[in-house]
Amino acid sequence: MVELVAPKTITLNKPFTVSFQSETRVAGRVRLTKGTEALEFTLVREGKEPVTSAGPRVRGKTASFEIRDWGTHDVGTELVLRFEAAKLWLTVAEAQPQGWEFPERP
């Protein structure tokens, strides 16, 4: 079984990191979908050339990679990240301006 780890909330137009681990070596395609639509994105792995595709191939027992250029979506949109039999639901959030902090409650 594959354990997939990624942030539950991803920031609009910002890359995010994904990792997986498995007891045995696995190989498959990483997919990011919005409803039934497969999204094209760039997968960046250390020591390898970036790959832009709607389902780049990944293999190994463990790996960590960055997903970039995954498109522009409305804030609150739910995307699904899939690899092997594992699925994660990710929610798109708006970027906070630099220096922005939550206001203090009275």
Protein backbone atom coordinates (compact mmCIF):
# COMPACT_ATOMS: atom_id res chain seq x y z
CA MET A 1 0.00 0.00 0.00
CA VAL A 2 1.22 3.50 -0.87
CA GLU A 3 1.15 6.32 1.68
CA LEU A 4 0.81 9.67 -0.09
CA VAL A 5 1.61 12.92 1.77
CA ALA A 6 0.74 16.44 0.56
CA PRO A 7 -0.72 19.61 2.08
CA LYS A 8 -4.50 19.57 2.38
CA THR A 9 -4.58 23.24 1.37
CA ILE A 10 -2.55 24.48 -1.59
CA THR A 11 -1.92 28.14 -2.34
CA LEU A 12 -3.12 29.54 -5.64
CA ASN A 13 -0.33 29.60 -8.27
CA LYS A 14 2.31 28.28 -5.82
CA PRO A 15 4.22 24.99 -6.06
CA PHE A 16 3.63 22.34 -3.41
CA THR A 17 5.58 19.28 -2.26
CA VAL A 18 4.31 15.71 -2.42
CA SER A 19 5.97 12.56 -1.08
CA PHE A 20 5.12 8.90 -0.99
CA GLN A 21 6.40 5.73 0.59
CA SER A 22 5.59 2.09 0.11
CA GLU A 23 6.77 -1.24 1.52
CA THR A 24 7.56 -2.44 -2.00
CA ARG A 25 8.76 -0.71 -5.14
CA VAL A 26 5.88 0.87 -7.07
CA ALA A 27 5.57 2.55 -10.47
CA GLY A 28 2.71 4.59 -11.79
CA ARG A 29 1.42 7.94 -12.90
CA VAL A 30 0.84 10.92 -10.63
CA ARG A 31 -2.49 12.52 -11.56
CA LEU A 32 -4.09 15.79 -10.49
CA THR A 33 -7.76 16.17 -11.37
CA LYS A 34 -10.53 18.71 -11.05
CA GLY A 35 -13.76 16.73 -11.23
CA THR A 36 -13.25 14.45 -14.23
CA GLU A 37 -10.74 16.78 -15.90
CA ALA A 38 -7.07 15.71 -15.78
CA LEU A 39 -4.85 18.74 -15.16
CA GLU A 40 -1.47 19.24 -16.77
CA PHE A 41 1.32 20.20 -14.36
CA THR A 42 5.10 20.16 -14.03
CA LEU A 43 6.67 17.55 -11.74
CA VAL A 44 10.14 18.44 -10.44
CA ARG A 45 12.31 15.76 -8.80
CA GLU A 46 15.80 16.38 -7.46
CA GLY A 47 18.44 15.18 -9.91
CA LYS A 48 15.94 14.74 -12.77
CA GLU A 49 14.65 16.93 -15.57
CA PRO A 50 11.25 18.59 -14.91
CA VAL A 51 8.40 16.78 -16.66
CA THR A 52 5.24 18.57 -17.84
CA SER A 53 2.31 16.21 -18.39
CA ALA A 54 -1.19 15.27 -17.20
CA GLY A 55 0.26 12.06 -15.71
CA PRO A 56 4.03 11.91 -15.29
CA ARG A 57 5.48 8.52 -14.28
CA VAL A 58 7.12 8.02 -10.88
CA ARG A 59 8.66 4.89 -9.41
CA GLY A 60 10.45 3.70 -6.29
CA LYS A 61 9.82 2.82 -2.65
CA THR A 62 9.98 6.43 -1.49
CA ALA A 63 10.14 9.73 -3.32
CA SER A 64 9.55 13.42 -2.84
CA PHE A 65 8.80 15.87 -5.61
CA GLU A 66 7.36 19.32 -6.26
CA ILE A 67 4.28 20.04 -8.35
CA ARG A 68 4.42 23.36 -10.21
CA ASP A 69 2.42 25.13 -12.92
CA TRP A 70 -0.80 23.34 -12.02
CA GLY A 71 -3.03 26.08 -13.45
CA THR A 72 -5.31 28.76 -12.08
CA HIS A 73 -8.43 27.66 -10.24
CA ASP A 74 -11.06 29.43 -8.16
CA VAL A 75 -10.37 29.69 -4.43
CA GLY A 76 -12.16 26.83 -2.68
CA THR A 77 -11.86 24.48 -5.66
CA GLU A 78 -11.20 20.89 -4.67
CA LEU A 79 -8.52 18.99 -6.61
CA VAL A 80 -7.69 15.30 -6.24
CA LEU A 81 -4.12 14.02 -6.26
CA ARG A 82 -3.78 10.32 -7.18
CA PHE A 83 -0.88 7.88 -7.23
CA GLU A 84 -1.37 4.12 -7.37
CA ALA A 85 -4.46 3.44 -5.17
CA ALA A 86 -3.86 6.49 -2.90
CA LYS A 87 -5.95 9.66 -3.20
CA LEU A 88 -5.72 13.03 -1.45
CA TRP A 89 -8.21 15.86 -1.66
CA LEU A 90 -6.58 19.31 -1.88
CA THR A 91 -8.35 22.65 -1.50
CA VAL A 92 -7.14 25.73 -3.37
CA ALA A 93 -6.59 28.74 -1.07
CA GLU A 94 -5.81 32.37 -1.81
CA ALA A 95 -2.26 33.59 -1.26
CA GLN A 96 -1.84 35.86 1.76
CA PRO A 97 -0.05 39.17 1.09
CA GLN A 98 3.44 39.37 2.60
CA GLY A 99 3.41 40.79 6.10
CA TRP A 100 -0.29 39.97 6.44
CA GLU A 101 -1.36 38.58 9.78
CA PHE A 102 -4.65 37.49 11.22
CA PRO A 103 -6.29 40.37 13.11
CA GLU A 104 -6.40 40.07 16.90
CA ARG A 105 -9.73 39.13 18.41
CA PRO A 106 -11.13 41.55 20.95
